[in-house]
């Protein structure tokens, strides 16, 4: 019996499907793998990479988000436009941003053009256009700062100027913000300094709240 002739178009279709199906499977697997990059950094610290722009090459991560806690269990985070790991513990950052809560409950947010973060010591070094803001309404500008997350200390050695509800400050050789016993927060200006106090704001702060 003569076998029916198989159209050439059908043969081409079968050959095409042999190629298309495996590629489709690979694309499906690739989509799953590309879904949010979550990298464990140890010590209960996690880096989450923005999956909308997935890119990890040459140890570079796009939109990293470092999450962890300090020695008192208070959360902190470090974000950046992108990061490049120099070593297992050290990452260089572009446009980093971070927040840290002090013992009195006030939160400080810092940002800069560049910096590097050491996940082992939990120290963030910032450089270029550093801005420090607080939930109490203060703004400080400088060119260099170091954020020691475990010690709850923020300090720098460059010229600083800032302002807030109680007045303005200027420090030629930098500043230091730290916690003292009983949750007292202290700001120290280094070198020749200037402080302009808003007396009316200080008076309102001391007045008892009306009932």
N, C-alpha and C. Protein backbone atom coordinates (compact mmCIF):
# COMPACT_ATOMS: atom_id res chain seq x y z
N UNK A 1 0.86 -1.19 0.00
CA UNK A 1 0.00 0.00 0.00
C UNK A 1 0.90 1.25 0.00
N UNK A 2 0.56 2.15 -0.81
CA UNK A 2 1.35 3.38 -0.92
C UNK A 2 1.05 4.31 0.25
N UNK A 3 2.16 4.76 0.93
CA UNK A 3 1.98 5.67 2.07
C UNK A 3 1.55 7.04 1.59
N UNK A 4 0.65 7.66 2.39
CA UNK A 4 0.20 9.00 1.98
C UNK A 4 1.37 9.99 2.01
N UNK A 5 1.37 10.85 1.06
CA UNK A 5 2.44 11.87 0.96
C UNK A 5 2.22 12.96 2.00
N UNK A 6 3.27 13.24 2.77
CA UNK A 6 3.18 14.30 3.81
C UNK A 6 3.58 15.63 3.19
N UNK A 7 2.69 16.59 3.26
CA UNK A 7 3.01 17.89 2.65
C UNK A 7 4.28 18.48 3.23
N UNK A 8 5.06 19.13 2.35
CA UNK A 8 6.31 19.74 2.80
C UNK A 8 6.06 20.83 3.85
N UNK A 9 4.92 21.53 3.71
CA UNK A 9 4.61 22.60 4.66
C UNK A 9 4.45 22.05 6.07
N UNK A 10 3.86 20.84 6.18
CA UNK A 10 3.68 20.21 7.49
C UNK A 10 5.03 19.80 8.08
N UNK A 11 5.91 19.30 7.22
CA UNK A 11 7.25 18.92 7.68
C UNK A 11 8.00 20.13 8.23
N UNK A 12 7.85 21.24 7.51
CA UNK A 12 8.52 22.47 7.97
C UNK A 12 7.92 22.91 9.32
N UNK A 13 6.60 22.74 9.49
CA UNK A 13 5.93 23.12 10.73
C UNK A 13 6.47 22.31 11.91
N UNK A 14 6.61 20.98 11.70
CA UNK A 14 7.12 20.10 12.74
C UNK A 14 8.54 20.49 13.12
N UNK A 15 9.37 20.77 12.11
CA UNK A 15 10.76 21.17 12.38
C UNK A 15 10.81 22.47 13.16
N UNK A 16 9.91 23.39 12.79
CA UNK A 16 9.87 24.68 13.46
C UNK A 16 9.46 24.53 14.93
N UNK A 17 8.48 23.66 15.18
CA UNK A 17 8.00 23.45 16.55
C UNK A 17 9.08 22.82 17.42
N UNK A 18 9.93 21.98 16.81
CA UNK A 18 11.02 21.37 17.57
C UNK A 18 11.97 22.44 18.12
N UNK A 19 12.06 23.55 17.40
CA UNK A 19 12.92 24.64 17.84
C UNK A 19 12.17 25.58 18.77
N UNK A 20 10.93 25.91 18.41
CA UNK A 20 10.16 26.90 19.16
C UNK A 20 9.82 26.42 20.57
N UNK A 21 9.41 25.15 20.70
CA UNK A 21 9.01 24.64 22.02
C UNK A 21 10.14 24.69 23.05
N UNK A 22 11.34 24.19 22.73
CA UNK A 22 12.43 24.30 23.72
C UNK A 22 12.75 25.74 24.08
N UNK A 23 12.73 26.64 23.07
CA UNK A 23 13.00 28.05 23.34
C UNK A 23 11.94 28.62 24.27
N UNK A 24 10.67 28.25 24.02
CA UNK A 24 9.59 28.71 24.87
C UNK A 24 9.75 28.24 26.30
N UNK A 25 10.19 27.00 26.46
CA UNK A 25 10.42 26.46 27.80
C UNK A 25 11.54 27.22 28.50
N UNK A 26 12.62 27.51 27.76
CA UNK A 26 13.74 28.25 28.34
C UNK A 26 13.32 29.65 28.76
N UNK A 27 12.49 30.30 27.93
CA UNK A 27 12.02 31.64 28.26
C UNK A 27 11.18 31.62 29.52
N UNK A 28 10.34 30.59 29.66
CA UNK A 28 9.50 30.47 30.85
C UNK A 28 10.36 30.29 32.09
N UNK A 29 11.36 29.43 32.01
CA UNK A 29 12.27 29.21 33.13
C UNK A 29 13.05 30.48 33.43
N UNK A 30 13.49 31.18 32.38
CA UNK A 30 14.24 32.41 32.56
C UNK A 30 13.41 33.46 33.27
N UNK A 31 12.11 33.52 33.00
CA UNK A 31 11.23 34.49 33.65
C UNK A 31 11.16 34.21 35.15
N UNK A 32 11.06 32.94 35.50
CA UNK A 32 10.99 32.57 36.91
C UNK A 32 12.29 32.92 37.62
N UNK A 33 13.41 32.64 36.97
CA UNK A 33 14.72 32.92 37.58
C UNK A 33 14.93 34.41 37.74
N UNK A 34 14.42 35.22 36.78
CA UNK A 34 14.62 36.66 36.81
C UNK A 34 13.72 37.36 37.82
N UNK A 35 12.72 36.68 38.34
CA UNK A 35 11.81 37.28 39.31
C UNK A 35 12.60 37.64 40.56
N UNK A 36 12.06 38.61 41.42
CA UNK A 36 12.91 39.32 42.38
C UNK A 36 14.17 38.61 42.85
N UNK A 37 15.31 39.25 42.57
CA UNK A 37 16.59 38.74 43.06
C UNK A 37 16.67 39.01 44.56
N UNK A 38 16.81 38.00 45.35
CA UNK A 38 16.97 38.16 46.79
C UNK A 38 18.26 37.47 47.19
N UNK A 39 19.21 38.24 47.64
CA UNK A 39 20.52 37.70 47.98
C UNK A 39 20.72 37.73 49.48
N UNK A 40 21.00 36.62 50.09
CA UNK A 40 21.26 36.57 51.52
C UNK A 40 22.65 37.10 51.80
N UNK A 41 22.74 38.05 52.71
CA UNK A 41 24.02 38.65 53.05
C UNK A 41 24.53 38.19 54.41
N UNK A 42 23.80 37.30 55.06
CA UNK A 42 24.23 36.81 56.37
C UNK A 42 23.86 37.77 57.47
N UNK A 43 23.95 37.31 58.71
CA UNK A 43 23.64 38.12 59.88
C UNK A 43 22.25 38.74 59.78
N UNK A 44 21.30 37.96 59.30
CA UNK A 44 19.91 38.39 59.16
C UNK A 44 19.79 39.60 58.26
N UNK A 45 20.71 39.75 57.34
CA UNK A 45 20.69 40.90 56.44
C UNK A 45 20.40 40.42 55.03
N UNK A 46 19.54 41.13 54.33
CA UNK A 46 19.12 40.70 53.00
C UNK A 46 19.23 41.85 52.02
N UNK A 47 19.67 41.55 50.81
CA UNK A 47 19.69 42.54 49.74
C UNK A 47 18.64 42.14 48.73
N UNK A 48 17.67 43.01 48.47
CA UNK A 48 16.63 42.74 47.49
C UNK A 48 16.92 43.59 46.26
N UNK A 49 16.98 42.95 45.10
CA UNK A 49 17.30 43.65 43.87
C UNK A 49 16.03 43.91 43.09
N UNK A 50 15.87 45.13 42.58
CA UNK A 50 14.69 45.51 41.82
C UNK A 50 14.53 44.63 40.59
N UNK A 51 13.44 43.86 40.54
CA UNK A 51 13.23 42.92 39.43
C UNK A 51 12.75 43.62 38.17
N UNK A 52 12.33 44.89 38.28
CA UNK A 52 11.88 45.60 37.09
C UNK A 52 13.05 45.92 36.17
N UNK A 53 14.26 45.96 36.72
CA UNK A 53 15.45 46.17 35.92
C UNK A 53 16.51 45.16 36.34
N UNK A 54 16.24 43.88 36.16
CA UNK A 54 17.17 42.87 36.65
C UNK A 54 18.51 42.91 35.93
N UNK A 55 19.56 43.06 36.70
CA UNK A 55 20.90 43.06 36.11
C UNK A 55 21.91 42.73 37.19
N UNK A 56 22.57 41.62 37.06
CA UNK A 56 23.66 41.27 37.96
C UNK A 56 24.82 40.79 37.10
N UNK A 57 25.79 41.64 36.88
CA UNK A 57 26.95 41.24 36.11
C UNK A 57 28.16 41.99 36.64
N UNK A 58 29.27 41.32 36.65
CA UNK A 58 30.50 41.87 37.21
C UNK A 58 30.25 42.34 38.65
N UNK A 59 29.49 41.55 39.41
CA UNK A 59 29.17 41.86 40.81
C UNK A 59 28.41 43.17 40.96
N UNK A 60 27.72 43.61 39.90
CA UNK A 60 26.95 44.85 39.98
C UNK A 60 25.48 44.53 40.15
N UNK A 61 24.82 45.24 41.07
CA UNK A 61 23.41 45.03 41.34
C UNK A 61 22.64 46.33 41.14
N UNK A 62 21.54 46.27 40.41
CA UNK A 62 20.72 47.45 40.15
C UNK A 62 19.67 47.60 41.24
N UNK A 63 19.55 48.83 41.76
CA UNK A 63 18.58 49.16 42.80
C UNK A 63 18.62 48.19 43.99
N UNK A 64 19.77 48.01 44.62
CA UNK A 64 19.83 47.12 45.79
C UNK A 64 19.13 47.75 46.99
N UNK A 65 18.61 46.92 47.84
CA UNK A 65 17.92 47.37 49.05
C UNK A 65 18.39 46.49 50.20
N UNK A 66 19.30 47.01 51.02
CA UNK A 66 19.85 46.24 52.13
C UNK A 66 18.96 46.43 53.36
N UNK A 67 18.54 45.32 53.95
CA UNK A 67 17.69 45.35 55.13
C UNK A 67 18.39 44.65 56.29
N UNK A 68 18.31 45.25 57.48
CA UNK A 68 18.89 44.59 58.65
C UNK A 68 18.38 45.27 59.91
N UNK A 69 18.92 44.88 61.05
CA UNK A 69 18.57 45.49 62.33
C UNK A 69 19.84 45.80 63.10
N UNK A 70 19.75 46.77 64.02
CA UNK A 70 20.91 47.08 64.84
C UNK A 70 20.94 46.15 66.06
N UNK A 71 21.86 46.43 66.99
CA UNK A 71 22.00 45.53 68.14
C UNK A 71 20.85 45.60 69.13
N UNK A 72 19.92 46.55 68.91
CA UNK A 72 18.73 46.63 69.75
C UNK A 72 17.47 46.20 69.01
N UNK A 73 17.68 45.61 67.83
CA UNK A 73 16.55 45.10 67.08
C UNK A 73 15.79 46.13 66.27
N UNK A 74 16.30 47.37 66.22
CA UNK A 74 15.62 48.40 65.44
C UNK A 74 16.03 48.28 63.98
N UNK A 75 15.06 48.35 63.07
CA UNK A 75 15.37 48.16 61.65
C UNK A 75 16.08 49.35 61.03
N UNK A 76 16.87 49.09 60.02
CA UNK A 76 17.45 50.15 59.20
C UNK A 76 17.57 49.62 57.78
N UNK A 77 17.72 50.53 56.85
CA UNK A 77 17.87 50.11 55.46
C UNK A 77 18.88 50.98 54.74
N UNK A 78 19.44 50.44 53.68
CA UNK A 78 20.35 51.17 52.80
C UNK A 78 19.91 50.89 51.36
N UNK A 79 19.55 51.94 50.63
CA UNK A 79 19.16 51.82 49.23
C UNK A 79 20.23 52.48 48.35
N UNK A 80 20.22 52.17 47.06
CA UNK A 80 21.12 52.82 46.11
C UNK A 80 20.59 52.63 44.70
N UNK A 81 21.07 53.48 43.80
CA UNK A 81 20.70 53.32 42.38
C UNK A 81 21.31 52.03 41.85
N UNK A 82 22.56 51.80 42.19
CA UNK A 82 23.18 50.50 41.93
C UNK A 82 24.38 50.32 42.84
N UNK A 83 24.79 49.08 42.98
CA UNK A 83 25.92 48.75 43.85
C UNK A 83 26.85 47.77 43.15
N UNK A 84 28.12 47.88 43.44
CA UNK A 84 29.11 46.94 42.91
C UNK A 84 29.92 46.39 44.07
N UNK A 85 29.86 45.10 44.27
CA UNK A 85 30.56 44.48 45.38
C UNK A 85 32.06 44.44 45.12
N UNK A 86 32.82 45.03 46.05
CA UNK A 86 34.28 45.02 45.96
C UNK A 86 34.84 43.76 46.61
N UNK A 87 34.27 43.41 47.76
CA UNK A 87 34.65 42.19 48.48
C UNK A 87 33.37 41.54 48.98
N UNK A 88 33.53 40.49 49.74
CA UNK A 88 32.36 39.78 50.28
C UNK A 88 31.52 40.68 51.18
N UNK A 89 32.16 41.62 51.88
CA UNK A 89 31.45 42.47 52.83
C UNK A 89 31.29 43.92 52.39
N UNK A 90 32.06 44.36 51.40
CA UNK A 90 32.08 45.77 51.02
C UNK A 90 31.48 46.00 49.64
N UNK A 91 30.56 46.97 49.56
CA UNK A 91 29.91 47.30 48.29
C UNK A 91 30.00 48.80 48.03
N UNK A 92 30.41 49.19 46.82
CA UNK A 92 30.40 50.58 46.41
C UNK A 92 29.00 50.94 45.93
N UNK A 93 28.52 52.14 46.29
CA UNK A 93 27.15 52.54 45.99
C UNK A 93 27.10 53.83 45.19
N UNK A 94 26.12 53.92 44.31
CA UNK A 94 25.84 55.15 43.57
C UNK A 94 24.48 55.67 44.02
N UNK A 95 24.42 56.95 44.39
CA UNK A 95 23.21 57.58 44.92
C UNK A 95 22.61 56.79 46.09
N UNK A 96 23.41 56.53 47.12
CA UNK A 96 22.90 55.79 48.28
C UNK A 96 21.95 56.63 49.13
N UNK A 97 21.09 55.94 49.84
CA UNK A 97 20.14 56.57 50.76
C UNK A 97 19.89 55.61 51.91
N UNK A 98 19.82 56.15 53.12
CA UNK A 98 19.65 55.27 54.28
C UNK A 98 18.85 55.98 55.36
N UNK A 99 18.28 55.20 56.27
CA UNK A 99 17.57 55.76 57.42
C UNK A 99 17.98 55.01 58.67
N UNK A 100 18.01 55.73 59.80
CA UNK A 100 18.39 55.13 61.07
C UNK A 100 17.59 55.79 62.19
N UNK A 101 17.04 54.99 63.08
CA UNK A 101 16.24 55.49 64.19
C UNK A 101 17.11 55.58 65.45
N UNK A 102 17.11 56.76 66.07
CA UNK A 102 17.89 56.96 67.28
C UNK A 102 17.11 56.44 68.48
N UNK A 103 17.74 56.43 69.66
CA UNK A 103 17.11 55.88 70.85
C UNK A 103 15.92 56.70 71.31
N UNK A 104 15.90 58.01 70.97
CA UNK A 104 14.76 58.84 71.38
C UNK A 104 13.59 58.72 70.42
N UNK A 105 13.73 57.85 69.40
CA UNK A 105 12.64 57.64 68.45
C UNK A 105 12.73 58.49 67.20
N UNK A 106 13.64 59.46 67.18
CA UNK A 106 13.80 60.31 66.01
C UNK A 106 14.52 59.54 64.89
N UNK A 107 14.04 59.71 63.68
CA UNK A 107 14.64 59.02 62.54
C UNK A 107 15.44 59.99 61.69
N UNK A 108 16.66 59.61 61.34
CA UNK A 108 17.51 60.39 60.46
C UNK A 108 17.59 59.71 59.10
N UNK A 109 17.44 60.48 58.05
CA UNK A 109 17.60 59.98 56.69
C UNK A 109 18.81 60.67 56.07
N UNK A 110 19.66 59.90 55.41
CA UNK A 110 20.84 60.46 54.77
C UNK A 110 20.89 60.01 53.31
N UNK A 111 21.43 60.87 52.47
CA UNK A 111 21.60 60.54 51.06
C UNK A 111 22.85 61.23 50.53
N UNK A 112 23.41 60.71 49.46
CA UNK A 112 24.64 61.27 48.88
C UNK A 112 24.77 60.81 47.44
N UNK A 113 25.79 61.34 46.76
CA UNK A 113 26.03 60.96 45.37
C UNK A 113 26.71 59.59 45.27
N UNK A 114 27.56 59.29 46.24
CA UNK A 114 28.24 58.00 46.23
C UNK A 114 28.62 57.58 47.65
N UNK A 115 29.03 56.33 47.78
CA UNK A 115 29.43 55.85 49.09
C UNK A 115 29.79 54.38 49.05
N UNK A 116 30.08 53.82 50.19
CA UNK A 116 30.29 52.38 50.28
C UNK A 116 29.77 51.87 51.62
N UNK A 117 29.27 50.65 51.59
CA UNK A 117 28.65 50.05 52.77
C UNK A 117 29.37 48.77 53.14
N UNK A 118 29.75 48.68 54.42
CA UNK A 118 30.40 47.49 54.95
C UNK A 118 29.36 46.73 55.76
N UNK A 119 28.91 45.60 55.24
CA UNK A 119 27.83 44.88 55.91
C UNK A 119 28.32 44.17 57.18
N UNK A 120 29.62 43.96 57.29
CA UNK A 120 30.15 43.28 58.48
C UNK A 120 30.17 44.23 59.67
N UNK A 121 30.66 45.45 59.48
CA UNK A 121 30.71 46.44 60.55
C UNK A 121 29.45 47.29 60.60
N UNK A 122 28.62 47.20 59.57
CA UNK A 122 27.39 48.00 59.44
C UNK A 122 27.72 49.49 59.51
N UNK A 123 28.70 49.87 58.70
CA UNK A 123 29.11 51.27 58.60
C UNK A 123 28.91 51.73 57.16
N UNK A 124 28.23 52.86 57.00
CA UNK A 124 27.96 53.44 55.68
C UNK A 124 28.76 54.73 55.55
N UNK A 125 29.66 54.80 54.56
CA UNK A 125 30.43 56.00 54.28
C UNK A 125 29.84 56.70 53.07
N UNK A 126 29.62 58.01 53.20
CA UNK A 126 28.98 58.79 52.14
C UNK A 126 29.90 59.92 51.70
N UNK A 127 29.82 60.26 50.40
CA UNK A 127 30.66 61.33 49.87
C UNK A 127 29.94 62.03 48.73
N UNK A 128 30.01 63.36 48.75
CA UNK A 128 29.45 64.16 47.67
C UNK A 128 27.98 64.50 47.86
N UNK A 129 27.68 65.79 48.09
CA UNK A 129 26.30 66.22 48.22
C UNK A 129 25.52 65.50 49.31
N UNK A 130 26.15 65.33 50.47
CA UNK A 130 25.49 64.60 51.56
C UNK A 130 24.40 65.47 52.19
N UNK A 131 23.21 64.91 52.31
CA UNK A 131 22.09 65.59 52.96
C UNK A 131 21.57 64.72 54.10
N UNK A 132 21.39 65.35 55.24
CA UNK A 132 20.89 64.66 56.42
C UNK A 132 19.62 65.35 56.88
N UNK A 133 18.52 64.62 56.95
CA UNK A 133 17.25 65.19 57.42
C UNK A 133 16.74 64.36 58.59
N UNK A 134 15.90 65.00 59.42
CA UNK A 134 15.35 64.29 60.58
C UNK A 134 13.85 64.49 60.64
N UNK A 135 13.19 63.62 61.39
CA UNK A 135 11.74 63.72 61.54
C UNK A 135 11.33 64.95 62.34
N UNK A 136 12.29 65.61 63.01
CA UNK A 136 12.00 66.83 63.76
C UNK A 136 12.12 68.07 62.88
N UNK A 137 12.45 67.88 61.61
CA UNK A 137 12.47 69.00 60.68
C UNK A 137 13.81 69.66 60.47
N UNK A 138 14.90 68.96 60.76
CA UNK A 138 16.24 69.52 60.56
C UNK A 138 16.84 69.05 59.24
N UNK A 139 17.63 69.93 58.63
CA UNK A 139 18.33 69.62 57.39
C UNK A 139 19.79 70.02 57.54
N UNK A 140 20.68 69.09 57.28
CA UNK A 140 22.12 69.32 57.38
C UNK A 140 22.76 68.96 56.04
N UNK A 141 23.67 69.83 55.56
CA UNK A 141 24.37 69.59 54.30
C UNK A 141 25.87 69.56 54.54
N UNK A 142 26.55 68.62 53.92
CA UNK A 142 28.00 68.50 54.01
C UNK A 142 28.50 67.69 52.82
N UNK A 143 29.79 67.42 52.75
CA UNK A 143 30.34 66.68 51.62
C UNK A 143 30.80 65.28 51.99
N UNK A 144 30.82 64.97 53.28
CA UNK A 144 31.30 63.65 53.70
C UNK A 144 30.68 63.30 55.05
N UNK A 145 30.29 62.04 55.20
CA UNK A 145 29.72 61.60 56.47
C UNK A 145 29.87 60.09 56.62
N UNK A 146 29.94 59.66 57.86
CA UNK A 146 30.01 58.23 58.17
C UNK A 146 28.86 57.89 59.12
N UNK A 147 28.11 56.86 58.77
CA UNK A 147 26.99 56.43 59.59
C UNK A 147 27.35 55.08 60.23
N UNK A 148 27.59 55.08 61.53
CA UNK A 148 27.89 53.85 62.27
C UNK A 148 26.57 53.37 62.87
N UNK A 149 25.95 52.41 62.22
CA UNK A 149 24.59 52.01 62.58
C UNK A 149 24.52 51.37 63.95
N UNK A 150 25.45 50.50 64.29
CA UNK A 150 25.43 49.84 65.59
C UNK A 150 25.63 50.83 66.74
N UNK A 151 26.52 51.80 66.55
CA UNK A 151 26.82 52.77 67.60
C UNK A 151 25.84 53.93 67.63
N UNK A 152 24.98 54.02 66.62
CA UNK A 152 24.03 55.13 66.51
C UNK A 152 24.78 56.47 66.45
N UNK A 153 25.80 56.51 65.60
CA UNK A 153 26.62 57.72 65.47
C UNK A 153 26.69 58.13 64.00
N UNK A 154 26.49 59.43 63.76
CA UNK A 154 26.65 60.01 62.43
C UNK A 154 27.65 61.14 62.56
N UNK A 155 28.73 61.08 61.80
CA UNK A 155 29.72 62.16 61.90
C UNK A 155 30.44 62.39 60.59
N UNK A 156 31.05 63.58 60.49
CA UNK A 156 31.81 63.93 59.30
C UNK A 156 32.90 64.91 59.66
N UNK A 157 33.85 65.10 58.75
CA UNK A 157 34.99 65.99 59.02
C UNK A 157 35.05 67.15 58.03
N UNK A 158 34.02 67.31 57.20
CA UNK A 158 33.98 68.40 56.23
C UNK A 158 33.09 69.53 56.74
N UNK A 159 33.17 70.66 56.09
CA UNK A 159 32.34 71.82 56.44
C UNK A 159 30.87 71.42 56.45
N UNK A 160 30.15 71.91 57.45
CA UNK A 160 28.74 71.56 57.59
C UNK A 160 27.90 72.80 57.85
N UNK A 161 26.72 72.81 57.29
CA UNK A 161 25.75 73.84 57.62
C UNK A 161 24.37 73.20 57.69
N UNK A 162 23.55 73.70 58.61
CA UNK A 162 22.23 73.11 58.76
C UNK A 162 21.26 74.09 59.38
N UNK A 163 19.99 73.74 59.31
CA UNK A 163 18.96 74.57 59.90
C UNK A 163 17.76 73.72 60.29
N UNK A 164 16.98 74.26 61.21
CA UNK A 164 15.81 73.54 61.68
C UNK A 164 14.92 74.46 62.49
N UNK A 165 13.93 73.90 63.17
CA UNK A 165 12.98 74.70 63.94
C UNK A 165 13.62 75.59 65.00
N UNK A 166 14.74 75.15 65.58
CA UNK A 166 15.35 75.92 66.67
C UNK A 166 16.49 76.84 66.23
N UNK A 167 16.84 76.85 64.95
CA UNK A 167 17.88 77.75 64.49
C UNK A 167 18.78 77.18 63.41
N UNK A 168 19.99 77.78 63.28
CA UNK A 168 20.94 77.38 62.25
C UNK A 168 22.29 77.03 62.88
N UNK A 169 23.04 76.16 62.20
CA UNK A 169 24.36 75.77 62.70
C UNK A 169 25.37 75.77 61.56
N UNK A 170 26.65 75.95 61.92
CA UNK A 170 27.74 75.88 60.95
C UNK A 170 28.96 75.34 61.67
N UNK A 171 29.62 74.37 61.08
CA UNK A 171 30.84 73.82 61.67
C UNK A 171 31.90 73.68 60.59
N UNK A 172 33.04 74.32 60.79
CA UNK A 172 34.08 74.32 59.76
C UNK A 172 34.71 72.95 59.56
N UNK A 173 34.88 72.20 60.64
CA UNK A 173 35.57 70.91 60.55
C UNK A 173 34.67 69.70 60.77
N UNK A 174 33.37 69.89 60.57
CA UNK A 174 32.48 68.74 60.65
C UNK A 174 31.59 68.71 61.87
N UNK A 175 31.04 67.54 62.14
CA UNK A 175 30.03 67.39 63.18
C UNK A 175 30.01 65.95 63.70
N UNK A 176 29.26 65.75 64.78
CA UNK A 176 29.05 64.40 65.30
C UNK A 176 27.70 64.36 66.01
N UNK A 177 26.86 63.43 65.60
CA UNK A 177 25.56 63.22 66.24
C UNK A 177 25.61 61.85 66.92
N UNK A 178 25.33 61.83 68.21
CA UNK A 178 25.42 60.57 68.95
C UNK A 178 24.42 60.53 70.09
N UNK A 179 24.18 59.33 70.59
CA UNK A 179 23.33 59.14 71.75
C UNK A 179 24.18 59.14 73.01
N UNK A 180 23.66 59.75 74.05
CA UNK A 180 24.29 59.71 75.36
C UNK A 180 23.38 58.92 76.30
N UNK A 181 23.82 58.66 77.53
CA UNK A 181 22.98 57.91 78.47
C UNK A 181 21.57 58.48 78.60
N UNK A 182 20.62 57.62 78.86
CA UNK A 182 19.20 57.96 79.02
C UNK A 182 18.58 58.46 77.71
N UNK A 183 19.17 58.06 76.58
CA UNK A 183 18.58 58.40 75.29
C UNK A 183 18.79 59.84 74.85
N UNK A 184 19.67 60.57 75.55
CA UNK A 184 19.93 61.97 75.19
C UNK A 184 20.73 62.04 73.90
N UNK A 185 20.25 62.83 72.95
CA UNK A 185 20.93 62.98 71.66
C UNK A 185 21.77 64.26 71.69
N UNK A 186 23.04 64.16 71.29
CA UNK A 186 23.96 65.30 71.34
C UNK A 186 24.55 65.54 69.95
N UNK A 187 24.56 66.81 69.54
CA UNK A 187 25.18 67.21 68.28
C UNK A 187 26.40 68.06 68.61
N UNK A 188 27.56 67.62 68.18
CA UNK A 188 28.82 68.33 68.43
C UNK A 188 29.33 68.92 67.12
N UNK A 189 29.64 70.22 67.12
CA UNK A 189 30.23 70.88 65.96
C UNK A 189 31.73 70.95 66.15
N UNK A 190 32.49 70.57 65.13
CA UNK A 190 33.95 70.51 65.24
C UNK A 190 34.59 71.77 64.66
N UNK A 191 35.67 72.22 65.31
CA UNK A 191 36.40 73.38 64.82
C UNK A 191 35.61 74.66 65.03
N UNK A 192 36.04 75.77 64.38
CA UNK A 192 35.31 77.03 64.48
C UNK A 192 33.85 76.82 64.07
N UNK A 193 32.94 77.22 64.94
CA UNK A 193 31.52 76.94 64.71
C UNK A 193 30.67 78.17 64.97
N UNK A 194 29.45 78.09 64.46
CA UNK A 194 28.50 79.18 64.68
C UNK A 194 27.11 78.58 64.88
N UNK A 195 26.41 79.09 65.88
CA UNK A 195 25.05 78.62 66.17
C UNK A 195 24.13 79.83 66.30
N UNK A 196 23.07 79.86 65.53
CA UNK A 196 22.07 80.92 65.60
C UNK A 196 20.79 80.29 66.14
N UNK A 197 20.37 80.72 67.33
CA UNK A 197 19.22 80.11 67.99
C UNK A 197 17.95 80.92 67.74
N UNK A 198 16.91 80.22 67.40
CA UNK A 198 15.59 80.83 67.24
C UNK A 198 14.93 80.85 68.62
N UNK A 199 15.02 81.99 69.29
CA UNK A 199 14.54 82.08 70.68
C UNK A 199 13.05 81.81 70.80
N UNK A 200 12.28 82.27 69.84
CA UNK A 200 10.83 82.06 69.91
C UNK A 200 10.49 80.58 69.82
N UNK A 201 11.23 79.85 68.98
CA UNK A 201 10.99 78.41 68.84
C UNK A 201 11.39 77.67 70.11
N UNK A 202 12.51 78.09 70.72
CA UNK A 202 12.96 77.47 71.96
C UNK A 202 11.97 77.73 73.08
N UNK A 203 11.39 78.94 73.11
CA UNK A 203 10.42 79.30 74.14
C UNK A 203 9.16 78.44 74.01
N UNK A 204 8.69 78.27 72.77
CA UNK A 204 7.50 77.45 72.54
C UNK A 204 7.74 76.00 72.94
N UNK A 205 8.98 75.55 72.71
CA UNK A 205 9.32 74.16 73.03
C UNK A 205 9.29 73.91 74.53
N UNK A 206 9.64 74.95 75.32
CA UNK A 206 9.68 74.80 76.77
C UNK A 206 8.31 74.98 77.41
N UNK A 207 7.40 75.70 76.72
CA UNK A 207 6.08 75.95 77.27
C UNK A 207 5.29 74.66 77.40
N UNK A 208 4.54 74.49 78.52
CA UNK A 208 3.71 73.28 78.67
C UNK A 208 2.57 73.29 77.68
N UNK A 209 2.17 72.11 77.23
CA UNK A 209 1.07 72.01 76.28
C UNK A 209 -0.25 72.38 76.96
N UNK A 210 -1.06 73.14 76.26
CA UNK A 210 -2.36 73.54 76.80
C UNK A 210 -3.30 72.34 76.82
N UNK A 211 -4.13 72.28 77.86
CA UNK A 211 -5.07 71.18 77.98
C UNK A 211 -6.47 71.66 77.61
